[in-house]
PDB file of N, CA and C in Angstrom:
ATOM      1  N   MET A   1     -40.555 148.893-205.418  1.00  0.00           N
ATOM      2  CA  MET A   1     -39.292 148.194-206.625  1.00  0.00           C
ATOM      3  C   MET A   1     -40.058 147.068-207.004  1.00  0.00           C
ATOM      4  N   LEU A   2     -41.703 146.182-206.791  1.00  0.00           N
ATOM      5  CA  LEU A   2     -41.879 145.171-207.313  1.00  0.00           C
ATOM      6  C   LEU A   2     -43.087 145.642-208.391  1.00  0.00           C
ATOM      7  N   ASN A   3     -43.362 146.648-208.140  1.00  0.00           N
ATOM      8  CA  ASN A   3     -44.432 147.739-208.411  1.00  0.00           C
ATOM      9  C   ASN A   3     -43.103 148.218-210.643  1.00  0.00           C
ATOM     10  N   ASN A   4     -42.535 148.946-209.817  1.00  0.00           N
ATOM     11  CA  ASN A   4     -40.887 149.134-210.745  1.00  0.00           C
ATOM     12  C   ASN A   4     -41.220 147.898-211.934  1.00  0.00           C
ATOM     13  N   ALA A   5     -40.435 146.919-211.157  1.00  0.00           N
ATOM     14  CA  ALA A   5     -39.855 145.502-211.427  1.00  0.00           C
ATOM     15  C   ALA A   5     -41.225 145.031-212.977  1.00  0.00           C
ATOM     16  N   ILE A   6     -42.528 145.193-212.276  1.00  0.00           N
ATOM     17  CA  ILE A   6     -43.556 144.119-212.936  1.00  0.00           C
ATOM     18  C   ILE A   6     -44.423 144.866-214.352  1.00  0.00           C
ATOM     19  N   GLU A   7     -43.564 146.511-213.929  1.00  0.00           N
ATOM     20  CA  GLU A   7     -44.050 147.959-214.929  1.00  0.00           C
ATOM     21  C   GLU A   7     -43.480 147.581-216.434  1.00  0.00           C
ATOM     22  N   GLU A   8     -42.148 147.109-215.418  1.00  0.00           N
ATOM     23  CA  GLU A   8     -40.860 147.163-216.773  1.00  0.00           C
ATOM     24  C   GLU A   8     -42.146 145.976-217.728  1.00  0.00           C
ATOM     25  N   MET A   9     -41.890 145.324-216.747  1.00  0.00           N
ATOM     26  CA  MET A   9     -42.721 143.576-217.454  1.00  0.00           C
ATOM     27  C   MET A   9     -43.793 143.976-218.999  1.00  0.00           C
ATOM     28  N   PHE A  10     -44.861 144.738-218.914  1.00  0.00           N
ATOM     29  CA  PHE A  10     -45.132 145.217-219.515  1.00  0.00           C
ATOM     30  C   PHE A  10     -44.257 146.757-220.565  1.00  0.00           C
ATOM     31  N   PHE A  11     -44.236 147.364-219.613  1.00  0.00           N
ATOM     32  CA  PHE A  11     -44.119 148.203-220.789  1.00  0.00           C
ATOM     33  C   PHE A  11     -41.884 148.708-221.255  1.00  0.00           C
ATOM     34  N   ASP A  12     -41.153 148.417-221.958  1.00  0.00           N
ATOM     35  CA  ASP A  12     -40.341 148.787-222.003  1.00  0.00           C
ATOM     36  C   ASP A  12     -39.742 150.550-222.215  1.00  0.00           C
ATOM     37  N   SER A  13     -38.351 151.063-221.882  1.00  0.00           N
ATOM     38  CA  SER A  13     -37.906 152.086-221.532  1.00  0.00           C
ATOM     39  C   SER A  13     -38.740 152.766-223.063  1.00  0.00           C
ATOM     40  N   SER A  14     -38.744 152.196-223.839  1.00  0.00           N
ATOM     41  CA  SER A  14     -39.007 152.886-225.624  1.00  0.00           C
ATOM     42  C   SER A  14     -40.385 153.240-225.668  1.00  0.00           C
ATOM     43  N   ASP A  15     -41.132 152.797-224.276  1.00  0.00           N
ATOM     44  CA  ASP A  15     -42.390 152.329-224.800  1.00  0.00           C
ATOM     45  C   ASP A  15     -43.330 153.635-224.229  1.00  0.00           C
ATOM     46  N   LYS A  16     -42.296 154.911-223.324  1.00  0.00           N
ATOM     47  CA  LYS A  16     -43.192 156.227-223.045  1.00  0.00           C
ATOM     48  C   LYS A  16     -43.772 157.003-223.866  1.00  0.00           C
ATOM     49  N   GLY A  17     -45.246 156.907-223.282  1.00  0.00           N
ATOM     50  CA  GLY A  17     -46.428 158.127-223.478  1.00  0.00           C
ATOM     51  C   GLY A  17     -47.310 156.699-224.183  1.00  0.00           C
ATOM     52  N   HIS A  18     -46.782 155.601-225.377  1.00  0.00           N
ATOM     53  CA  HIS A  18     -47.955 155.577-225.737  1.00  0.00           C
ATOM     54  C   HIS A  18     -48.325 154.457-225.273  1.00  0.00           C
ATOM     55  N   ARG A  19     -49.381 153.942-225.877  1.00  0.00           N
ATOM     56  CA  ARG A  19     -50.613 153.097-225.006  1.00  0.00           C
ATOM     57  C   ARG A  19     -51.261 154.064-223.356  1.00  0.00           C
ATOM     58  N   PRO A  20     -51.622 154.747-223.446  1.00  0.00           N
ATOM     59  CA  PRO A  20     -51.491 155.811-221.605  1.00  0.00           C
ATOM     60  C   PRO A  20     -52.734 154.832-220.899  1.00  0.00           C
ATOM     61  N   ARG A  21     -54.173 154.190-221.983  1.00  0.00           N
ATOM     62  CA  ARG A  21     -55.017 153.657-221.224  1.00  0.00           C
ATOM     63  C   ARG A  21     -54.311 152.267-221.055  1.00  0.00           C
ATOM     64  N   LEU A  22     -53.677 152.183-221.120  1.00  0.00           N
ATOM     65  CA  LEU A  22     -53.082 150.247-220.885  1.00  0.00           C
ATOM     66  C   LEU A  22     -52.139 150.334-219.771  1.00  0.00           C
ATOM     67  N   ARG A  23     -51.575 151.912-220.358  1.00  0.00           N
ATOM     68  CA  ARG A  23     -50.726 151.739-218.773  1.00  0.00           C
ATOM     69  C   ARG A  23     -51.911 152.083-217.388  1.00  0.00           C
ATOM     70  N   GLN A  24     -51.972 153.283-217.586  1.00  0.00           N
ATOM     71  CA  GLN A  24     -53.237 154.053-216.367  1.00  0.00           C
ATOM     72  C   GLN A  24     -53.692 152.338-216.086  1.00  0.00           C
ATOM     73  N   ILE A  25     -54.589 151.562-216.897  1.00  0.00           N
ATOM     74  CA  ILE A  25     -55.163 149.977-216.137  1.00  0.00           C
ATOM     75  C   ILE A  25     -54.213 149.529-215.275  1.00  0.00           C
ATOM     76  N   VAL A  26     -52.733 149.057-215.892  1.00  0.00           N
ATOM     77  CA  VAL A  26     -51.998 148.351-215.035  1.00  0.00           C
ATOM     78  C   VAL A  26     -51.088 149.043-214.335  1.00  0.00           C
ATOM     79  N   GLN A  27     -50.972 149.897-213.970  1.00  0.00           N
ATOM     80  CA  GLN A  27     -51.017 150.731-212.924  1.00  0.00           C
ATOM     81  C   GLN A  27     -51.950 150.527-211.697  1.00  0.00           C
ATOM     82  N   THR A  28     -52.577 150.827-211.862  1.00  0.00           N
ATOM     83  CA  THR A  28     -54.355 151.300-210.886  1.00  0.00           C
ATOM     84  C   THR A  28     -53.966 149.940-210.495  1.00  0.00           C
ATOM     85  N   HIS A  29     -54.260 148.789-211.149  1.00  0.00           N
ATOM     86  CA  HIS A  29     -54.306 147.306-211.105  1.00  0.00           C
ATOM     87  C   HIS A  29     -52.949 147.453-210.102  1.00  0.00           C
ATOM     88  N   LEU A  30     -52.016 146.579-210.266  1.00  0.00           N
ATOM     89  CA  LEU A  30     -50.675 146.523-209.732  1.00  0.00           C
ATOM     90  C   LEU A  30     -50.699 147.579-208.409  1.00  0.00           C
ATOM     91  N   GLU A  31     -50.580 148.516-208.096  1.00  0.00           N
ATOM     92  CA  GLU A  31     -50.744 149.803-206.704  1.00  0.00           C
ATOM     93  C   GLU A  31     -51.740 148.724-205.926  1.00  0.00           C
ATOM     94  N   GLN A  32     -53.255 148.323-207.064  1.00  0.00           N
ATOM     95  CA  GLN A  32     -54.523 147.688-205.373  1.00  0.00           C
ATOM     96  C   GLN A  32     -53.898 146.867-205.547  1.00  0.00           C
ATOM     97  N   ASN A  33     -52.293 145.650-206.041  1.00  0.00           N
ATOM     98  CA  ASN A  33     -52.418 144.302-205.028  1.00  0.00           C
ATOM     99  C   ASN A  33     -51.433 144.620-204.351  1.00  0.00           C
ATOM    100  N   LEU A  34     -50.792 145.845-204.693  1.00  0.00           N
ATOM    101  CA  LEU A  34     -49.823 145.491-204.457  1.00  0.00           C
ATOM    102  C   LEU A  34     -49.491 145.855-202.607  1.00  0.00           C
ATOM    103  N   THR A  35     -50.947 146.413-202.708  1.00  0.00           N
ATOM    104  CA  THR A  35     -51.325 146.834-200.814  1.00  0.00           C
ATOM    105  C   THR A  35     -52.590 145.935-200.065  1.00  0.00           C
ATOM    106  N   LEU A  36     -52.595 144.681-200.691  1.00  0.00           N
ATOM    107  CA  LEU A  36     -52.944 143.485-199.817  1.00  0.00           C
ATOM    108  C   LEU A  36     -51.764 142.860-199.457  1.00  0.00           C
ATOM    109  N   PRO A  37     -52.142 142.291-197.980  1.00  0.00           N
ATOM    110  CA  PRO A  37     -50.638 142.169-196.639  1.00  0.00           C
ATOM    111  C   PRO A  37     -49.824 141.401-197.342  1.00  0.00           C
ATOM    112  N   ILE A  38     -48.693 141.295-196.678  1.00  0.00           N
ATOM    113  CA  ILE A  38     -47.768 140.107-196.874  1.00  0.00           C
ATOM    114  C   ILE A  38     -48.098 138.916-195.452  1.00  0.00           C
ATOM    115  N   GLN A  39     -47.591 137.824-196.304  1.00  0.00           N
ATOM    116  CA  GLN A  39     -47.985 136.904-195.092  1.00  0.00           C
ATOM    117  C   GLN A  39     -46.870 136.818-195.091  1.00  0.00           C
ATOM    118  N   GLU A  40     -46.679 136.461-193.529  1.00  0.00           N
ATOM    119  CA  GLU A  40     -45.283 135.996-192.652  1.00  0.00           C
ATOM    120  C   GLU A  40     -44.747 135.749-192.940  1.00  0.00           C
ATOM    121  N   ASN A  41     -43.591 134.392-192.929  1.00  0.00           N
ATOM    122  CA  ASN A  41     -43.485 133.133-193.207  1.00  0.00           C
ATOM    123  C   ASN A  41     -43.179 132.546-192.146  1.00  0.00           C
ATOM    124  N   ASP A  42     -43.069 130.813-191.526  1.00  0.00           N
ATOM    125  CA  ASP A  42     -42.461 130.143-190.234  1.00  0.00           C
ATOM    126  C   ASP A  42     -41.292 130.737-190.283  1.00  0.00           C
ATOM    127  N   ASN A  43     -40.316 130.790-190.875  1.00  0.00           N
ATOM    128  CA  ASN A  43     -38.520 131.285-190.965  1.00  0.00           C
ATOM    129  C   ASN A  43     -38.081 132.003-191.771  1.00  0.00           C
ATOM    130  N   PRO A  44     -38.419 133.235-190.842  1.00  0.00           N
ATOM    131  CA  PRO A  44     -37.392 134.900-191.329  1.00  0.00           C
ATOM    132  C   PRO A  44     -36.637 134.440-191.845  1.00  0.00           C
ATOM    133  N   ASN A  45     -35.314 133.559-191.545  1.00  0.00           N
ATOM    134  CA  ASN A  45     -33.991 133.565-191.631  1.00  0.00           C
ATOM    135  C   ASN A  45     -33.630 132.786-192.757  1.00  0.00           C
ATOM    136  N   CYS A  46     -34.922 131.716-193.772  1.00  0.00           N
ATOM    137  CA  CYS A  46     -33.925 131.179-194.688  1.00  0.00           C
ATOM    138  C   CYS A  46     -34.440 131.740-195.656  1.00  0.00           C
ATOM    139  N   LEU A  47     -33.632 132.685-196.816  1.00  0.00           N
ATOM    140  CA  LEU A  47     -33.076 132.552-197.530  1.00  0.00           C
ATOM    141  C   LEU A  47     -34.159 132.212-198.972  1.00  0.00           C
ATOM    142  N   PHE A  48     -33.870 131.005-199.211  1.00  0.00           N
ATOM    143  CA  PHE A  48     -34.536 130.284-200.059  1.00  0.00           C
ATOM    144  C   PHE A  48     -36.662 130.787-199.895  1.00  0.00           C
ATOM    145  N   THR A  49     -36.630 130.736-198.220  1.00  0.00           N
ATOM    146  CA  THR A  49     -38.347 130.950-198.396  1.00  0.00           C
ATOM    147  C   THR A  49     -39.032 132.807-198.588  1.00  0.00           C
ATOM    148  N   GLU A  50     -37.216 133.505-198.619  1.00  0.00           N
ATOM    149  CA  GLU A  50     -38.499 135.150-198.378  1.00  0.00           C
ATOM    150  C   GLU A  50     -38.266 134.311-200.192  1.00  0.00           C
ATOM    151  N   VAL A  51     -37.165 134.068-200.657  1.00  0.00           N
ATOM    152  CA  VAL A  51     -37.021 134.171-202.368  1.00  0.00           C
ATOM    153  C   VAL A  51     -38.210 133.567-203.337  1.00  0.00           C
ATOM    154  N   GLY A  52     -39.115 132.101-202.424  1.00  0.00           N
ATOM    155  CA  GLY A  52     -40.078 131.698-202.913  1.00  0.00           C
ATOM    156  C   GLY A  52     -40.641 132.187-202.666  1.00  0.00           C
ATOM    157  N   ASP A  53     -41.054 133.008-201.882  1.00  0.00           N
ATOM    158  CA  ASP A  53     -42.712 134.197-200.937  1.00  0.00           C
ATOM    159  C   ASP A  53     -42.228 135.223-201.756  1.00  0.00           C
ATOM    160  N   GLY A  54     -41.312 135.517-202.601  1.00  0.00           N
ATOM    161  CA  GLY A  54     -41.143 136.632-202.732  1.00  0.00           C
ATOM    162  C   GLY A  54     -41.540 136.727-204.672  1.00  0.00           C
ATOM    163  N   LEU A  55     -40.675 135.327-205.252  1.00  0.00           N
ATOM    164  CA  LEU A  55     -41.643 134.978-206.294  1.00  0.00           C
ATOM    165  C   LEU A  55     -42.945 135.165-206.598  1.00  0.00           C
ATOM    166  N   ASN A  56     -43.228 134.085-205.328  1.00  0.00           N
ATOM    167  CA  ASN A  56     -45.082 133.343-205.639  1.00  0.00           C
ATOM    168  C   ASN A  56     -45.989 134.494-205.401  1.00  0.00           C
ATOM    169  N   ARG A  57     -45.687 135.591-204.675  1.00  0.00           N
ATOM    170  CA  ARG A  57     -46.500 137.146-204.426  1.00  0.00           C
ATOM    171  C   ARG A  57     -46.620 137.356-205.823  1.00  0.00           C
ATOM    172  N   ALA A  58     -44.484 137.838-206.897  1.00  0.00           N
ATOM    173  CA  ALA A  58     -45.348 138.613-208.267  1.00  0.00           C
ATOM    174  C   ALA A  58     -46.005 138.288-209.453  1.00  0.00           C
ATOM    175  N   ILE A  59     -45.617 136.386-208.856  1.00  0.00           N
ATOM    176  CA  ILE A  59     -46.299 135.411-210.262  1.00  0.00           C
ATOM    177  C   ILE A  59     -48.071 135.491-209.508  1.00  0.00           C
ATOM    178  N   TYR A  60     -49.254 135.677-208.429  1.00  0.00           N
ATOM    179  CA  TYR A  60     -50.115 136.024-208.449  1.00  0.00           C
ATOM    180  C   TYR A  60     -50.038 137.610-208.740  1.00  0.00           C
ATOM    181  N   ILE A  61     -49.544 138.474-208.282  1.00  0.00           N
ATOM    182  CA  ILE A  61     -49.373 139.780-208.929  1.00  0.00           C
ATOM    183  C   ILE A  61     -49.867 139.726-210.039  1.00  0.00           C
ATOM    184  N   LEU A  62     -49.142 138.398-210.721  1.00  0.00           N
ATOM    185  CA  LEU A  62     -48.827 139.494-212.521  1.00  0.00           C
ATOM    186  C   LEU A  62     -50.130 138.835-212.989  1.00  0.00           C
ATOM    187  N   SER A  63     -50.659 136.821-212.297  1.00  0.00           N
ATOM    188  CA  SER A  63     -51.841 136.787-212.824  1.00  0.00           C
ATOM    189  C   SER A  63     -52.831 136.947-212.329  1.00  0.00           C
ATOM    190  N   ASP A  64     -53.130 137.571-211.710  1.00  0.00           N
ATOM    191  CA  ASP A  64     -54.329 138.886-211.139  1.00  0.00           C
ATOM    192  C   ASP A  64     -54.341 140.107-212.501  1.00  0.00           C
ATOM    193  N   VAL A  65     -53.292 140.690-212.758  1.00  0.00           N
ATOM    194  CA  VAL A  65     -53.516 141.982-213.964  1.00  0.00           C
ATOM    195  C   VAL A  65     -53.722 141.466-215.068  1.00  0.00           C
ATOM    196  N   ALA A  66     -53.168 140.147-215.674  1.00  0.00           N
ATOM    197  CA  ALA A  66     -53.774 139.790-216.745  1.00  0.00           C
ATOM    198  C   ALA A  66     -54.993 138.720-216.563  1.00  0.00           C
ATOM    199  N   LYS A  67     -55.261 138.855-215.960  1.00  0.00           N
ATOM    200  CA  LYS A  67     -56.818 138.481-215.554  1.00  0.00           C
ATOM    201  C   LYS A  67     -57.808 139.417-215.941  1.00  0.00           C
ATOM    202  N   HIS A  68     -57.020 140.494-214.804  1.00  0.00           N
ATOM    203  CA  HIS A  68     -58.166 141.972-214.832  1.00  0.00           C
ATOM    204  C   HIS A  68     -57.889 142.649-216.255  1.00  0.00           C
ATOM    205  N   LEU A  69     -56.631 142.026-216.879  1.00  0.00           N
ATOM    206  CA  LEU A  69     -56.543 142.834-218.363  1.00  0.00           C
ATOM    207  C   LEU A  69     -57.301 142.209-219.319  1.00  0.00           C
ATOM    208  N   VAL A  70     -57.422 140.907-219.284  1.00  0.00           N
ATOM    209  CA  VAL A  70     -58.574 140.127-220.434  1.00  0.00           C
ATOM    210  C   VAL A  70     -59.975 140.377-219.496  1.00  0.00           C
ATOM    211  N   TYR A  71     -59.863 140.754-218.940  1.00  0.00           N
ATOM    212  CA  TYR A  71     -61.311 140.110-218.786  1.00  0.00           C
ATOM    213  C   TYR A  71     -61.840 142.234-217.603  1.00  0.00           C
ATOM    214  N   GLY A  72     -61.434 142.941-217.659  1.00  0.00           N
ATOM    215  CA  GLY A  72     -62.024 143.951-216.762  1.00  0.00           C
ATOM    216  C   GLY A  72     -63.628 144.464-217.561  1.00  0.00           C
ATOM    217  N   PRO A  73     -63.660 145.140-217.106  1.00  0.00           N
ATOM    218  CA  PRO A  73     -64.925 146.081-216.808  1.00  0.00           C
ATOM    219  C   PRO A  73     -63.800 146.909-218.488  1.00  0.00           C
ATOM    220  N   HIS A  74     -62.664 147.369-218.893  1.00  0.00           N
ATOM    221  CA  HIS A  74     -62.647 147.919-219.627  1.00  0.00           C
ATOM    222  C   HIS A  74     -62.834 147.918-220.829  1.00  0.00           C
ATOM    223  N   ILE A  75     -62.848 146.133-220.707  1.00  0.00           N
ATOM    224  CA  ILE A  75     -62.767 145.319-221.724  1.00  0.00           C
ATOM    225  C   ILE A  75     -64.449 145.806-222.873  1.00  0.00           C
ATOM    226  N   GLU A  76     -65.101 145.869-222.380  1.00  0.00           N
ATOM    227  CA  GLU A  76     -66.712 146.154-222.001  1.00  0.00           C
ATOM    228  C   GLU A  76     -66.710 147.704-222.396  1.00  0.00           C
ATOM    229  N   GLU A  77     -66.621 148.399-221.885  1.00  0.00           N
ATOM    230  CA  GLU A  77     -66.684 150.123-222.595  1.00  0.00           C
ATOM    231  C   GLU A  77     -65.933 150.454-224.157  1.00  0.00           C
ATOM    232  N   TYR A  78     -65.418 149.342-223.435  1.00  0.00           N
ATOM    233  CA  TYR A  78     -64.238 149.742-225.175  1.00  0.00           C
ATOM    234  C   TYR A  78     -64.735 149.382-226.347  1.00  0.00           C
ATOM    235  N   THR A  79     -65.619 148.106-226.628  1.00  0.00           N
ATOM    236  CA  THR A  79     -65.906 147.781-228.242  1.00  0.00           C
ATOM    237  C   THR A  79     -67.505 148.439-227.845  1.00  0.00           C
ATOM    238  N   LYS A  80     -68.094 149.020-227.032  1.00  0.00           N
ATOM    239  CA  LYS A  80     -69.366 149.482-226.199  1.00  0.00           C
ATOM    240  C   LYS A  80     -68.944 151.107-227.152  1.00  0.00           C
ATOM    241  N   GLN A  81     -67.620 151.692-227.518  1.00  0.00           N
ATOM    242  CA  GLN A  81     -67.361 152.786-228.121  1.00  0.00           C
ATOM    243  C   GLN A  81     -67.037 152.338-229.340  1.00  0.00           C
ATOM    244  N   ARG A  82     -66.491 151.013-229.560  1.00  0.00           N
ATOM    245  CA  ARG A  82     -65.500 150.467-230.572  1.00  0.00           C
ATOM    246  C   ARG A  82     -67.349 151.129-231.921  1.00  0.00           C
ATOM    247  N   ALA A  83     -68.253 150.033-231.202  1.00  0.00           N
ATOM    248  CA  ALA A  83     -69.851 149.900-232.213  1.00  0.00           C
ATOM    249  C   ALA A  83     -70.336 151.121-232.052  1.00  0.00           C
ATOM    250  N   ASP A  84     -69.670 152.369-231.345  1.00  0.00           N
ATOM    251  CA  ASP A  84     -70.939 153.695-231.870  1.00  0.00           C
ATOM    252  C   ASP A  84     -70.018 154.412-232.090  1.00  0.00           C
ATOM    253  N   GLU A  85     -68.692 154.306-232.529  1.00  0.00           N
ATOM    254  CA  GLU A  85     -68.400 154.623-233.317  1.00  0.00           C
ATOM    255  C   GLU A  85     -68.621 154.005-234.580  1.00  0.00           C
ATOM    256  N   ILE A  86     -68.792 152.736-234.904  1.00  0.00           N
ATOM    257  CA  ILE A  86     -69.114 152.028-236.491  1.00  0.00           C
ATOM    258  C   ILE A  86     -70.311 152.353-236.688  1.00  0.00           C
ATOM    259  N   TYR A  87     -71.088 152.476-236.261  1.00  0.00           N
ATOM    260  CA  TYR A  87     -71.901 153.132-236.231  1.00  0.00           C
ATOM    261  C   TYR A  87     -72.700 154.305-236.780  1.00  0.00           C
ATOM    262  N   LYS A  88     -71.837 154.987-236.015  1.00  0.00           N
ATOM    263  CA  LYS A  88     -72.111 156.625-236.512  1.00  0.00           C
ATOM    264  C   LYS A  88     -71.329 156.538-238.262  1.00  0.00           C
ATOM    265  N   GLU A  89     -69.662 156.063-238.140  1.00  0.00           N
ATOM    266  CA  GLU A  89     -69.429 155.924-239.457  1.00  0.00           C
ATOM    267  C   GLU A  89     -70.104 155.153-240.963  1.00  0.00           C
ATOM    268  N   THR A  90     -70.651 154.079-240.503  1.00  0.00           N
ATOM    269  CA  THR A  90     -71.432 153.251-241.981  1.00  0.00           C
ATOM    270  C   THR A  90     -72.501 152.586-241.845  1.00  0.00           C
ATOM    271  N   PHE A  91     -73.161 153.325-240.525  1.00  0.00           N
ATOM    272  CA  PHE A  91     -74.953 152.560-239.899  1.00  0.00           C
ATOM    273  C   PHE A  91     -74.700 151.369-239.811  1.00  0.00           C
ATOM    274  N   PHE A  92     -73.525 149.866-240.036  1.00  0.00           N
ATOM    275  CA  PHE A  92     -73.239 148.982-239.292  1.00  0.00           C
ATOM    276  C   PHE A  92     -73.550 148.722-240.828  1.00  0.00           C
ATOM    277  N   SER A  93     -73.734 148.678-241.563  1.00  0.00           N
ATOM    278  CA  SER A  93     -73.606 148.420-242.906  1.00  0.00           C
ATOM    279  C   SER A  93     -71.812 147.568-243.485  1.00  0.00           C
ATOM    280  N   ASP A  94     -71.363 147.868-242.804  1.00  0.00           N
ATOM    281  CA  ASP A  94     -69.462 147.182-243.203  1.00  0.00           C
ATOM    282  C   ASP A  94     -69.481 146.580-241.904  1.00  0.00           C
ATOM    283  N   THR A  95     -69.547 145.224-241.466  1.00  0.00           N
ATOM    284  CA  THR A  95     -68.798 144.434-240.013  1.00  0.00           C
ATOM    285  C   THR A  95     -68.065 144.239-240.072  1.00  0.00           C
ATOM    286  N   ARG A  96     -66.954 144.524-241.047  1.00  0.00           N
ATOM    287  CA  ARG A  96     -65.902 143.481-240.762  1.00  0.00           C
ATOM    288  C   ARG A  96     -64.997 144.481-239.452  1.00  0.00           C
ATOM    289  N   LYS A  97     -65.384 145.655-239.226  1.00  0.00           N
ATOM    290  CA  LYS A  97     -64.394 146.181-237.905  1.00  0.00           C
ATOM    291  C   LYS A  97     -64.575 145.489-237.085  1.00  0.00           C
ATOM    292  N   LEU A  98     -65.991 144.927-236.905  1.00  0.00           N
ATOM    293  CA  LEU A  98     -66.411 144.740-235.176  1.00  0.00           C
ATOM    294  C   LEU A  98     -66.267 142.933-235.605  1.00  0.00           C
ATOM    295  N   GLU A  99     -65.560 142.678-236.992  1.00  0.00           N
ATOM    296  CA  GLU A  99     -66.141 141.438-236.254  1.00  0.00           C
ATOM    297  C   GLU A  99     -64.365 140.757-236.002  1.00  0.00           C
ATOM    298  N   ILE A 100     -63.449 142.007-236.773  1.00  0.00           N
ATOM    299  CA  ILE A 100     -62.028 141.417-236.382  1.00  0.00           C
ATOM    300  C   ILE A 100     -61.630 141.793-235.366  1.00  0.00           C
ATOM    301  N   MET A 101     -62.307 142.988-234.611  1.00  0.00           N
ATOM    302  CA  MET A 101     -62.476 143.422-233.047  1.00  0.00           C
ATOM    303  C   MET A 101     -62.771 142.126-232.268  1.00  0.00           C
ATOM    304  N   ASP A 102     -64.042 141.334-232.647  1.00  0.00           N
ATOM    305  CA  ASP A 102     -64.402 140.128-231.811  1.00  0.00           C
ATOM    306  C   ASP A 102     -63.339 139.108-230.930  1.00  0.00           C
ATOM    307  N   GLN A 103     -62.957 139.079-233.223  1.00  0.00           N
ATOM    308  CA  GLN A 103     -61.595 138.434-233.061  1.00  0.00           C
ATOM    309  C   GLN A 103     -60.572 138.235-232.011  1.00  0.00           C
ATOM    310  N   GLN A 104     -59.882 139.863-232.172  1.00  0.00           N
ATOM    311  CA  GLN A 104     -58.160 140.609-231.167  1.00  0.00           C
ATOM    312  C   GLN A 104     -59.038 139.554-229.843  1.00  0.00           C
ATOM    313  N   VAL A 105     -60.093 140.395-229.017  1.00  0.00           N
ATOM    314  CA  VAL A 105     -60.315 139.990-228.087  1.00  0.00           C
ATOM    315  C   VAL A 105     -60.685 138.097-227.558  1.00  0.00           C
ATOM    316  N   GLU A 106     -61.294 137.499-228.156  1.00  0.00           N
ATOM    317  CA  GLU A 106     -61.258 136.004-228.342  1.00  0.00           C
ATOM    318  C   GLU A 106     -59.988 135.380-228.358  1.00  0.00           C
ATOM    319  N   THR A 107     -59.007 136.256-228.840  1.00  0.00           N
ATOM    320  CA  THR A 107     -57.170 135.804-229.241  1.00  0.00           C
ATOM    321  C   THR A 107     -57.086 136.039-227.629  1.00  0.00           C
ATOM    322  N   LEU A 108     -57.196 136.771-227.332  1.00  0.00           N
ATOM    323  CA  LEU A 108     -56.885 137.787-225.676  1.00  0.00           C
ATOM    324  C   LEU A 108     -57.130 136.668-224.291  1.00  0.00           C
ATOM    325  N   LYS A 109     -58.290 135.996-225.413  1.00  0.00           N
ATOM    326  CA  LYS A 109     -59.523 135.725-224.017  1.00  0.00           C
ATOM    327  C   LYS A 109     -58.026 133.836-223.860  1.00  0.00           C
ATOM    328  N   CYS A 110     -57.593 133.517-225.137  1.00  0.00           N
ATOM    329  CA  CYS A 110     -57.307 132.105-225.192  1.00  0.00           C
ATOM    330  C   CYS A 110     -55.581 131.846-225.666  1.00  0.00           C
ATOM    331  N   VAL A 111     -54.588 132.903-225.124  1.00  0.00           N
ATOM    332  CA  VAL A 111     -53.733 134.069-224.202  1.00  0.00           C
ATOM    333  C   VAL A 111     -53.456 133.242-222.866  1.00  0.00           C
TER     334      VAL A 111
END
């Protein structure tokens, strides 16, 4: 249930089939986080404690997914792939595409 709710934050219903690589990265990382053990609280009968624990867990998972999206190994893989493509197309005579990609990565890290 939490997995579906968090996934809906990243992808709306109109996004089905689009950005499959991003969807796969998010789903994989969410599944890894959801397997972490849930910490038992001292007062299981207190609704506020349970809600707080649930929100805390959701925020932790979202934070971890966001860090993984920005700093994960897929960023380097994509960068190398695009650099190879640009090299094959222009032999690096036109580096504007690389500069744009570098700016986009830096912007992503600032968010």
